[in-house]
Amino acid sequence: MAAAIKRKSPKPSGYVGTEPPFKKVLIANRGEIALRVILACKELGIQTVAVYSEADRNALHVRFADEEVCIGPPPSAKSYLNIPHLIAAAEVTGAEAIHPGYGFLSENAHFVDVCKACGIIFIGPDSEIIRKMGNKAQAKATMAEAGVPLMPGSDGVIETVEEALVVAEQIGYPVIVKASAGGGGRGMRICNNPEELPGMFNTARSEAKIAFGDDAVYMEKYLLEPRHIEVQIMGDLFGNVVHLGERECSIQRRHQKLIEESPSSALTPELRQRICDTAVKAARAVGYYNAGTIEFLLDKRGDFFFMEMNTRVQVEHPVTELVTGIDIVKEQLRIAAGRKLSFTQEQVEQRGHAIECRINAEDPWKFTPCPGRITALNFPGGPGIRVDTAMYQDAVIPPTYDSMIAKLIAYGADREEAIARMRRALDTLVVEGVKTTSALHRRIMDHPDFISGAFSTKWMETFMAEIEEERKVGA
């Protein structure tokens, strides 16, 4: 592991403010989220340590941090998931705390335990909360005890095909088999009838074992056209828990979100109050603190059901920041340092509308990764536009990591203005050298269903079928 390189003075030049929450924080991540945390630390007067793999030697998060440590070769298992190297980097540089970002080790309870054993503060909840909410079967049991509405399903882990057939018959088809330790769409299989179930059950278990090292699965009723609504919550070490409103996350493909917005056009004020209050109740039930997200499925009747809890900052947190004016990452840092939330529930207000498009280095119609060198780049600007990215001209997008290269966020006084500004931003976004999904997002912004808000988590299937038909006609 390379030695750290000190770059700047102990306190950023020109810093004015109260005593920083920490003197030095290591960011155990890469890309735009690592840079996002570094920028928040700069505002708070906190020194930063960037870790990087050999593939990220020239990355922006490395350039803008105060110190840098190479933690291994490109494969994540040998670098960003290498706990001994991360801890050593923190100890060598004297970092008091580690911010995990999202992905990688952000929801790894063992990593939290190791940090604690080494006297390093983990910027997030404690390991027991992560274990309880990271195991989906256990999370469901905890939420049921707290009175949070749950999707009809199994009481816990299902061990055999025979048991799965009995449960499916009780709750009614279609059903979905889910990995208990899963996420990101892996270890999930939808079954429409008893004939499909044995094969789907075994496939889900096998995939879960490969992806998470745990083949435990459970079962839920599968809603045909639900909305995916998530609520941003924050809590401190003094028992204060608040919500920052909801986000609409229904535009997704294979359980991967493509577009998020806040607020959701599907919620009435009364329904918004109920779902947000329920999210706070869920967080309090586990003694939650720091930033987290409670995710729900909403059906056409307005009934909502707990889906899962993410015990970390979300990719889509910028839309909440824009409509509330609250810096979620800075709040994370303050909370981890033992400070109270800087606002009360009464002070949280959603104003205007924000939309986020995830720009991936992928073929926009096939969704296949497109790594390579960016030969020309222009990010949009103007009123109401925010771009969270770590890309620059001549940057190389490695094939080793996630393909997201930027988050394009538009804010307006209302949803109509936010959509108009997103269209303008997508029209002026230039990325050459690699394919991106910007053309896909631009088409969605013009679609009547998106404009009217008439969509569900299954909408992208219909949309892509329309695109495929157009391509056949034009061929």
Protein backbone atom coordinates (compact mmCIF):
# COMPACT_ATOMS: atom_id res chain seq x y z
CA MET A 1 0.00 0.00 0.00
CA ALA A 2 1.41 3.38 -1.04
CA ALA A 3 2.16 6.00 1.55
CA ALA A 4 -0.22 8.92 2.00
CA ILE A 5 0.66 12.18 0.31
CA LYS A 6 -0.11 15.30 2.32
CA ARG A 7 -1.15 18.23 0.21
CA LYS A 8 -2.66 21.12 2.13
CA SER A 9 -2.70 22.98 5.41
CA PRO A 10 -4.53 21.45 8.40
CA LYS A 11 -7.49 23.77 7.85
CA PRO A 12 -8.63 24.84 4.36
CA SER A 13 -7.59 28.38 3.53
CA GLY A 14 -10.36 30.89 4.17
CA TYR A 15 -12.49 28.48 6.24
CA VAL A 16 -14.90 30.31 8.52
CA GLY A 17 -17.26 28.48 10.85
CA THR A 18 -17.76 26.64 14.11
CA GLU A 19 -15.44 23.87 15.23
CA PRO A 20 -15.49 21.12 12.56
CA PRO A 21 -17.18 17.83 13.51
CA PHE A 22 -13.91 16.02 12.76
CA LYS A 23 -10.36 17.01 11.98
CA LYS A 24 -9.89 14.36 9.31
CA VAL A 25 -12.21 11.92 7.49
CA LEU A 26 -11.30 9.07 5.15
CA ILE A 27 -13.75 8.39 2.31
CA ALA A 28 -13.95 4.65 1.63
CA ASN A 29 -15.37 5.02 -1.85
CA ARG A 30 -14.73 6.38 -5.35
CA GLY A 31 -16.37 8.40 -8.11
CA GLU A 32 -19.01 11.04 -7.62
CA ILE A 33 -20.03 10.04 -4.09
CA ALA A 34 -16.42 10.24 -2.87
CA LEU A 35 -16.13 13.69 -4.40
CA ARG A 36 -19.53 14.68 -2.93
CA VAL A 37 -18.31 13.80 0.58
CA ILE A 38 -15.02 15.65 0.03
CA LEU A 39 -16.90 18.81 -0.97
CA ALA A 40 -19.08 18.61 2.15
CA CYS A 41 -15.98 18.16 4.29
CA LYS A 42 -14.35 21.20 2.69
CA GLU A 43 -17.35 23.34 3.66
CA LEU A 44 -17.10 22.12 7.25
CA GLY A 45 -13.33 22.59 7.48
CA ILE A 46 -12.56 18.87 7.65
CA GLN A 47 -9.38 17.42 6.14
CA THR A 48 -10.01 14.51 3.78
CA VAL A 49 -8.24 11.30 2.81
CA ALA A 50 -9.00 9.69 -0.54
CA VAL A 51 -8.37 6.01 -1.11
CA TYR A 52 -8.04 4.69 -4.62
CA SER A 53 -7.29 1.60 -6.64
CA GLU A 54 -4.63 1.60 -9.31
CA ALA A 55 -7.41 2.10 -11.89
CA ASP A 56 -8.42 5.37 -10.18
CA ARG A 57 -4.98 6.90 -9.80
CA ASN A 58 -6.01 9.99 -11.82
CA ALA A 59 -9.55 10.27 -10.45
CA LEU A 60 -10.96 13.61 -9.31
CA HIS A 61 -11.68 12.46 -5.78
CA VAL A 62 -7.96 11.72 -5.47
CA ARG A 63 -7.04 15.12 -6.86
CA PHE A 64 -9.31 17.14 -4.57
CA ALA A 65 -8.70 15.30 -1.30
CA ASP A 66 -6.05 16.58 1.09
CA GLU A 67 -4.30 13.20 1.25
CA GLU A 68 -4.36 10.06 -0.83
CA VAL A 69 -3.62 6.39 -0.27
CA CYS A 70 -3.49 3.66 -2.91
CA ILE A 71 -5.19 0.60 -1.45
CA GLY A 72 -4.70 -2.00 -4.17
CA PRO A 73 -5.24 -3.16 -7.74
CA PRO A 74 -8.45 -2.48 -9.74
CA PRO A 75 -10.67 -5.39 -8.56
CA SER A 76 -12.95 -4.16 -5.77
CA ALA A 77 -12.21 -7.19 -3.60
CA LYS A 78 -8.55 -6.17 -3.56
CA SER A 79 -9.12 -2.45 -3.04
CA TYR A 80 -12.43 -0.78 -2.10
CA LEU A 81 -13.65 -3.93 -0.32
CA ASN A 82 -10.30 -4.64 1.33
CA ILE A 83 -11.03 -3.86 4.98
CA PRO A 84 -7.45 -4.28 6.29
CA HIS A 85 -6.13 -1.85 3.67
CA LEU A 86 -8.84 0.72 4.43
CA ILE A 87 -8.20 0.55 8.17
CA ALA A 88 -4.46 0.81 7.59
CA ALA A 89 -5.01 3.88 5.41
CA ALA A 90 -7.06 5.51 8.16
CA GLU A 91 -4.44 4.72 10.80
CA VAL A 92 -1.50 5.88 8.68
CA THR A 93 -3.17 9.22 7.94
CA GLY A 94 -4.68 9.75 11.38
CA ALA A 95 -8.27 9.85 10.12
CA GLU A 96 -10.77 9.93 12.98
CA ALA A 97 -13.72 8.72 10.94
CA ILE A 98 -14.64 6.88 7.74
CA HIS A 99 -17.48 7.84 5.42
CA PRO A 100 -18.49 4.80 3.34
CA GLY A 101 -20.63 6.56 0.71
CA TYR A 102 -23.01 4.07 -0.90
CA GLY A 103 -22.29 0.61 -2.24
CA PHE A 104 -19.05 -1.21 -1.41
CA LEU A 105 -18.84 -1.46 2.43
CA SER A 106 -21.55 1.08 3.28
CA GLU A 107 -23.91 -1.58 4.67
CA ASN A 108 -21.31 -4.08 5.87
CA ALA A 109 -21.83 -4.65 9.59
CA HIS A 110 -18.48 -6.40 9.98
CA PHE A 111 -16.70 -3.32 8.63
CA VAL A 112 -18.52 -1.18 11.20
CA ASP A 113 -17.37 -3.54 13.96
CA VAL A 114 -13.77 -3.39 12.74
CA CYS A 115 -13.86 0.41 12.66
CA LYS A 116 -15.16 0.50 16.22
CA ALA A 117 -12.51 -1.98 17.42
CA CYS A 118 -9.82 0.24 15.89
CA GLY A 119 -11.17 3.43 17.47
CA ILE A 120 -12.41 4.85 14.15
CA ILE A 121 -15.89 6.37 13.88
CA PHE A 122 -18.09 4.91 11.14
CA ILE A 123 -20.26 7.63 9.61
CA GLY A 124 -23.52 5.74 9.63
CA PRO A 125 -25.61 3.62 12.01
CA ASP A 126 -24.16 0.95 14.29
CA SER A 127 -23.58 -2.62 13.18
CA GLU A 128 -26.59 -4.10 14.96
CA ILE A 129 -28.98 -1.79 13.10
CA ILE A 130 -27.32 -2.67 9.80
CA ARG A 131 -27.60 -6.38 10.56
CA LYS A 132 -31.22 -6.10 11.62
CA MET A 133 -32.32 -4.07 8.59
CA GLY A 134 -29.91 -5.61 6.08
CA ASN A 135 -31.45 -9.03 6.54
CA LYS A 136 -34.79 -8.58 4.80
CA ALA A 137 -36.59 -11.36 6.62
CA GLN A 138 -35.50 -9.97 9.99
CA ALA A 139 -36.35 -6.42 8.87
CA LYS A 140 -39.88 -7.52 8.01
CA ALA A 141 -40.31 -9.11 11.43
CA THR A 142 -39.08 -5.93 13.12
CA MET A 143 -41.45 -3.77 11.08
CA ALA A 144 -44.39 -6.06 11.76
CA GLU A 145 -43.75 -5.73 15.49
CA ALA A 146 -43.70 -1.93 15.09
CA GLY A 147 -47.03 -1.94 13.26
CA VAL A 148 -45.62 -0.90 9.89
CA PRO A 149 -47.78 -2.25 7.01
CA LEU A 150 -46.17 -5.21 5.26
CA MET A 151 -46.76 -6.93 1.96
CA PRO A 152 -48.53 -10.29 2.48
CA GLY A 153 -45.87 -12.98 2.46
CA SER A 154 -43.94 -15.61 4.37
CA ASP A 155 -43.30 -15.16 8.09
CA GLY A 156 -39.58 -15.50 7.48
CA VAL A 157 -37.09 -17.54 5.49
CA ILE A 158 -38.51 -20.36 3.34
CA GLU A 159 -36.43 -23.53 3.44
CA THR A 160 -38.01 -25.83 0.85
CA VAL A 161 -39.93 -25.83 -2.42
CA GLU A 162 -42.82 -27.56 -0.67
CA GLU A 163 -43.06 -24.78 1.90
CA ALA A 164 -42.84 -22.18 -0.87
CA LEU A 165 -45.79 -23.77 -2.70
CA VAL A 166 -47.91 -23.67 0.45
CA VAL A 167 -47.12 -20.00 1.16
CA ALA A 168 -47.74 -18.99 -2.47
CA GLU A 169 -51.14 -20.67 -2.39
CA GLN A 170 -52.02 -18.80 0.79
CA ILE A 171 -51.10 -15.31 -0.44
CA GLY A 172 -52.08 -15.82 -4.09
CA TYR A 173 -50.12 -15.53 -7.32
CA PRO A 174 -48.16 -13.72 -8.63
CA VAL A 175 -45.50 -13.91 -5.93
CA ILE A 176 -41.88 -12.81 -5.76
CA VAL A 177 -39.07 -14.84 -4.20
CA LYS A 178 -36.39 -12.56 -2.70
CA ALA A 179 -32.93 -13.08 -1.30
CA SER A 180 -33.02 -12.33 2.41
CA ALA A 181 -29.57 -10.71 2.31
CA GLY A 182 -30.07 -9.25 -1.17
CA GLY A 183 -30.47 -6.03 -3.06
CA GLY A 184 -30.07 -4.51 -6.51
CA GLY A 185 -32.44 -6.99 -8.13
CA ARG A 186 -30.22 -10.03 -7.50
CA GLY A 187 -31.74 -13.16 -6.02
CA MET A 188 -35.26 -12.11 -7.08
CA ARG A 189 -37.67 -14.19 -9.16
CA ILE A 190 -41.32 -13.52 -10.04
CA CYS A 191 -43.60 -16.57 -10.23
CA ASN A 192 -47.03 -16.53 -11.86
CA ASN A 193 -48.19 -20.07 -11.14
CA PRO A 194 -47.30 -23.25 -9.21
CA GLU A 195 -45.59 -24.78 -12.24
CA GLU A 196 -42.99 -21.98 -12.37
CA LEU A 197 -42.31 -21.83 -8.66
CA PRO A 198 -39.92 -24.77 -8.05
CA GLY A 199 -37.48 -23.66 -10.75
CA MET A 200 -37.69 -19.98 -9.80
CA PHE A 201 -37.25 -20.77 -6.11
CA ASN A 202 -34.09 -22.79 -6.71
CA THR A 203 -32.70 -20.21 -9.14
CA ALA A 204 -33.25 -17.40 -6.63
CA ARG A 205 -31.46 -19.39 -3.92
CA SER A 206 -28.52 -20.17 -6.18
CA GLU A 207 -28.18 -16.56 -7.31
CA ALA A 208 -28.41 -15.33 -3.71
CA LYS A 209 -25.67 -17.73 -2.64
CA ILE A 210 -23.35 -16.51 -5.40
CA ALA A 211 -24.10 -12.81 -4.90
CA PHE A 212 -24.31 -12.58 -1.10
CA GLY A 213 -22.89 -15.81 0.29
CA ASP A 214 -26.31 -16.59 1.77
CA ASP A 215 -29.01 -18.62 0.00
CA ALA A 216 -31.84 -17.72 2.40
CA VAL A 217 -34.97 -16.47 0.60
CA TYR A 218 -38.45 -15.33 1.55
CA MET A 219 -41.64 -14.67 -0.40
CA GLU A 220 -44.06 -11.78 -0.88
CA LYS A 221 -47.19 -11.02 -2.84
CA TYR A 222 -46.19 -9.36 -6.11
CA LEU A 223 -48.04 -6.15 -7.00
CA LEU A 224 -48.62 -5.81 -10.75
CA GLU A 225 -48.30 -2.04 -11.20
CA PRO A 226 -46.98 -0.49 -7.99
CA ARG A 227 -45.21 2.80 -7.43
CA HIS A 228 -41.86 2.77 -5.63
CA ILE A 229 -41.88 5.47 -2.96
CA GLU A 230 -39.03 6.02 -0.53
CA VAL A 231 -38.79 8.36 2.44
CA GLN A 232 -35.54 10.01 3.50
CA ILE A 233 -35.10 9.87 7.25
CA MET A 234 -32.41 11.20 9.57
CA GLY A 235 -31.81 10.57 13.22
CA ASP A 236 -29.26 11.58 15.82
CA LEU A 237 -27.78 9.96 18.90
CA PHE A 238 -30.24 11.82 21.15
CA GLY A 239 -33.31 9.97 19.87
CA ASN A 240 -34.46 12.64 17.42
CA VAL A 241 -35.79 11.18 14.15
CA VAL A 242 -37.26 13.23 11.30
CA HIS A 243 -38.24 12.68 7.68
CA LEU A 244 -37.22 14.87 4.75
CA GLY A 245 -40.18 13.96 2.55
CA GLU A 246 -40.49 11.31 -0.12
CA ARG A 247 -38.91 10.45 -3.45
CA GLU A 248 -40.58 8.83 -6.44
CA CYS A 249 -38.39 6.01 -7.78
CA SER A 250 -40.74 4.09 -10.08
CA ILE A 251 -38.84 4.65 -13.33
CA GLN A 252 -36.55 1.65 -13.12
CA ARG A 253 -35.35 -1.30 -15.15
CA ARG A 254 -34.73 -4.71 -13.61
CA HIS A 255 -35.02 -3.17 -10.13
CA GLN A 256 -32.34 -0.58 -10.98
CA LYS A 257 -33.51 3.03 -10.66
CA LEU A 258 -33.07 5.32 -13.66
CA ILE A 259 -34.92 8.49 -12.65
CA GLU A 260 -35.92 9.81 -9.23
CA GLU A 261 -37.92 12.86 -8.26
CA SER A 262 -39.31 14.68 -5.26
CA PRO A 263 -42.09 15.12 -4.39
CA SER A 264 -44.10 12.26 -5.91
CA SER A 265 -47.05 13.26 -8.07
CA ALA A 266 -48.86 10.10 -6.89
CA LEU A 267 -49.30 11.27 -3.30
CA THR A 268 -52.02 13.45 -1.90
CA PRO A 269 -51.05 15.63 1.08
CA GLU A 270 -52.86 13.20 3.39
CA LEU A 271 -51.16 10.12 1.92
CA ARG A 272 -47.79 11.88 2.03
CA GLN A 273 -48.26 12.58 5.73
CA ARG A 274 -49.21 8.97 6.44
CA ILE A 275 -46.32 7.42 4.54
CA CYS A 276 -43.75 9.82 6.00
CA ASP A 277 -45.04 9.36 9.54
CA THR A 278 -44.85 5.60 9.02
CA ALA A 279 -41.23 5.90 7.89
CA VAL A 280 -40.34 7.79 11.06
CA LYS A 281 -42.10 5.13 13.14
CA ALA A 282 -40.11 2.43 11.34
CA ALA A 283 -36.81 4.22 12.00
CA ARG A 284 -37.62 4.76 15.66
CA ALA A 285 -38.48 1.08 16.02
CA VAL A 286 -34.82 0.19 15.45
CA GLY A 287 -33.29 3.19 17.25
CA TYR A 288 -32.00 4.50 13.93
CA TYR A 289 -29.50 7.33 13.60
CA ASN A 290 -27.64 9.02 10.74
CA ALA A 291 -29.08 9.06 7.19
CA GLY A 292 -31.32 6.24 5.96
CA THR A 293 -34.20 5.50 3.64
CA ILE A 294 -37.43 3.59 4.21
CA GLU A 295 -38.75 2.16 0.94
CA PHE A 296 -42.40 1.33 0.21
CA LEU A 297 -44.51 -0.07 -2.60
CA LEU A 298 -47.71 1.88 -3.24
CA ASP A 299 -50.68 0.27 -4.98
CA LYS A 300 -53.43 1.90 -7.04
CA ARG A 301 -55.76 2.10 -4.05
CA GLY A 302 -53.32 4.18 -2.04
CA ASP A 303 -52.25 1.35 0.24
CA PHE A 304 -48.52 1.18 0.89
CA PHE A 305 -46.30 -1.62 2.16
CA PHE A 306 -42.81 -1.68 3.67
CA MET A 307 -40.24 -3.04 1.24
CA GLU A 308 -36.81 -2.45 2.79
CA MET A 309 -34.56 0.00 4.60
CA ASN A 310 -31.29 1.33 3.24
CA THR A 311 -28.92 2.17 6.08
CA ARG A 312 -26.79 4.66 4.15
CA VAL A 313 -26.98 7.75 1.97
CA GLN A 314 -28.79 7.09 -1.32
CA VAL A 315 -27.62 7.78 -4.87
CA GLU A 316 -30.69 9.99 -5.29
CA HIS A 317 -30.23 12.13 -2.17
CA PRO A 318 -29.67 15.34 -4.24
CA VAL A 319 -33.35 15.67 -5.16
CA THR A 320 -34.24 15.79 -1.46
CA GLU A 321 -31.48 18.32 -0.80
CA LEU A 322 -32.84 20.60 -3.51
CA VAL A 323 -36.46 20.57 -2.35
CA THR A 324 -35.64 20.88 1.38
CA GLY A 325 -32.45 22.96 1.34
CA ILE A 326 -30.84 20.48 3.77
CA ASP A 327 -27.33 19.15 3.08
CA ILE A 328 -27.70 15.47 3.95
CA VAL A 329 -23.99 14.64 3.80
CA LYS A 330 -22.97 17.50 6.10
CA GLU A 331 -25.70 16.42 8.48
CA GLN A 332 -24.28 12.88 8.43
CA LEU A 333 -20.91 14.20 9.49
CA ARG A 334 -22.36 16.25 12.34
CA ILE A 335 -24.48 13.36 13.62
CA ALA A 336 -21.51 10.95 13.60
CA ALA A 337 -19.58 13.47 15.68
CA GLY A 338 -22.29 13.31 18.34
CA ARG A 339 -24.15 16.50 17.50
CA LYS A 340 -27.92 16.92 17.46
CA LEU A 341 -29.85 17.30 14.23
CA SER A 342 -29.57 20.93 13.14
CA PHE A 343 -33.30 21.15 12.37
CA THR A 344 -36.64 19.91 13.68
CA GLN A 345 -39.47 18.20 11.81
CA GLU A 346 -41.43 21.45 11.83
CA GLN A 347 -38.58 23.18 9.99
CA VAL A 348 -38.55 20.65 7.13
CA GLU A 349 -40.52 21.85 4.12
CA GLN A 350 -40.61 20.56 0.57
CA ARG A 351 -40.54 23.44 -1.91
CA GLY A 352 -40.58 23.14 -5.66
CA HIS A 353 -39.76 19.97 -7.57
CA ALA A 354 -36.52 18.13 -8.39
CA ILE A 355 -35.74 15.35 -10.88
CA GLU A 356 -32.56 13.28 -11.14
CA CYS A 357 -31.38 11.32 -14.17
CA ARG A 358 -28.62 8.76 -13.66
CA ILE A 359 -26.27 9.12 -16.63
CA ASN A 360 -24.54 5.79 -17.22
CA ALA A 361 -21.75 4.90 -19.64
CA GLU A 362 -23.95 2.38 -21.41
CA ASP A 363 -25.61 1.78 -24.73
CA PRO A 364 -28.90 3.66 -24.13
CA TRP A 365 -31.09 0.97 -25.72
CA LYS A 366 -29.23 -2.23 -24.85
CA PHE A 367 -27.97 -1.15 -21.39
CA THR A 368 -24.59 -2.77 -22.04
CA PRO A 369 -21.60 -1.08 -20.34
CA CYS A 370 -19.42 1.18 -22.46
CA PRO A 371 -16.09 1.81 -20.71
CA GLY A 372 -13.44 3.93 -22.39
CA ARG A 373 -11.91 7.40 -22.59
CA ILE A 374 -14.03 10.56 -22.64
CA THR A 375 -12.76 12.57 -25.62
CA ALA A 376 -15.09 15.57 -25.29
CA LEU A 377 -17.23 16.70 -22.38
CA ASN A 378 -19.64 19.50 -21.57
CA PHE A 379 -21.85 19.48 -18.52
CA PRO A 380 -24.97 21.67 -18.59
CA GLY A 381 -25.52 24.65 -16.34
CA GLY A 382 -27.98 27.49 -15.97
CA PRO A 383 -30.83 28.05 -13.49
CA GLY A 384 -31.93 25.01 -11.53
CA ILE A 385 -29.28 22.56 -12.75
CA ARG A 386 -26.95 20.52 -10.55
CA VAL A 387 -24.44 17.93 -11.77
CA ASP A 388 -22.87 15.45 -9.37
CA THR A 389 -19.97 13.79 -11.15
CA ALA A 390 -16.29 12.92 -10.99
CA MET A 391 -15.85 12.90 -14.76
CA TYR A 392 -13.62 15.21 -16.80
CA GLN A 393 -12.37 15.36 -20.37
CA ASP A 394 -9.83 12.58 -21.05
CA ALA A 395 -10.98 10.67 -17.98
CA VAL A 396 -10.95 6.91 -18.46
CA ILE A 397 -14.04 4.98 -17.38
CA PRO A 398 -12.74 1.57 -16.23
CA PRO A 399 -14.72 -1.61 -16.87
CA THR A 400 -14.19 -2.67 -13.27
CA TYR A 401 -16.85 -0.58 -11.52
CA ASP A 402 -20.42 0.69 -11.77
CA SER A 403 -21.16 2.45 -15.06
CA MET A 404 -22.78 5.59 -13.61
CA ILE A 405 -20.70 8.62 -14.59
CA ALA A 406 -22.96 11.50 -13.52
CA LYS A 407 -26.17 12.46 -11.82
CA LEU A 408 -28.01 15.23 -13.62
CA ILE A 409 -30.48 17.02 -11.36
CA ALA A 410 -33.01 19.69 -12.38
CA TYR A 411 -34.96 21.87 -9.95
CA GLY A 412 -38.00 24.00 -10.71
CA ALA A 413 -40.82 25.81 -8.98
CA ASP A 414 -43.07 22.91 -10.01
CA ARG A 415 -42.82 19.60 -11.85
CA GLU A 416 -43.48 21.18 -15.24
CA GLU A 417 -40.56 23.57 -14.86
CA ALA A 418 -38.29 20.80 -13.53
CA ILE A 419 -39.05 18.66 -16.60
CA ALA A 420 -38.42 21.62 -18.93
CA ARG A 421 -35.08 22.31 -17.27
CA MET A 422 -34.11 18.65 -17.43
CA ARG A 423 -34.85 18.63 -21.16
CA ARG A 424 -32.65 21.68 -21.60
CA ALA A 425 -29.89 20.10 -19.52
CA LEU A 426 -29.97 16.84 -21.48
CA ASP A 427 -29.89 18.78 -24.76
CA THR A 428 -26.70 20.57 -23.71
CA LEU A 429 -24.96 17.56 -22.16
CA VAL A 430 -22.08 16.44 -24.37
CA VAL A 431 -20.16 13.23 -23.72
CA GLU A 432 -18.05 11.84 -26.55
CA GLY A 433 -15.83 8.79 -26.66
CA VAL A 434 -18.33 6.54 -24.85
CA LYS A 435 -22.03 5.92 -25.23
CA THR A 436 -24.32 7.19 -22.47
CA THR A 437 -27.96 6.83 -21.47
CA SER A 438 -28.71 10.54 -21.98
CA ALA A 439 -30.72 9.87 -25.16
CA LEU A 440 -32.91 7.43 -23.23
CA HIS A 441 -33.60 10.01 -20.53
CA ARG A 442 -34.40 12.65 -23.15
CA ARG A 443 -37.02 10.38 -24.71
CA ILE A 444 -38.57 9.71 -21.32
CA MET A 445 -38.84 13.43 -20.57
CA ASP A 446 -41.04 13.82 -23.68
CA HIS A 447 -43.24 10.79 -23.11
CA PRO A 448 -46.91 11.62 -22.31
CA ASP A 449 -46.99 9.03 -19.51
CA PHE A 450 -44.01 10.60 -17.76
CA ILE A 451 -45.33 14.11 -18.22
CA SER A 452 -48.71 13.14 -16.74
CA GLY A 453 -47.16 11.01 -13.99
CA ALA A 454 -48.99 7.89 -15.18
CA PHE A 455 -46.33 5.24 -14.62
CA SER A 456 -45.36 2.37 -12.33
CA THR A 457 -42.30 0.23 -11.69
CA LYS A 458 -43.31 -1.82 -14.76
CA TRP A 459 -43.57 1.18 -17.10
CA MET A 460 -40.06 0.86 -18.54
CA GLU A 461 -40.97 -2.54 -20.01
CA THR A 462 -43.73 -0.95 -22.09
CA PHE A 463 -41.53 2.00 -23.01
CA MET A 464 -38.66 -0.19 -24.20
CA ALA A 465 -41.12 -2.29 -26.22
CA GLU A 466 -42.21 0.93 -27.95
CA ILE A 467 -38.59 1.80 -28.71
CA GLU A 468 -37.90 -1.68 -30.08
CA GLU A 469 -40.95 -1.45 -32.35
CA GLU A 470 -39.79 1.93 -33.67
CA ARG A 471 -36.35 0.50 -34.43
CA LYS A 472 -37.85 -2.42 -36.31
CA VAL A 473 -40.00 -0.11 -38.41
CA GLY A 474 -37.04 2.15 -39.14
CA ALA A 475 -34.69 -0.71 -40.01
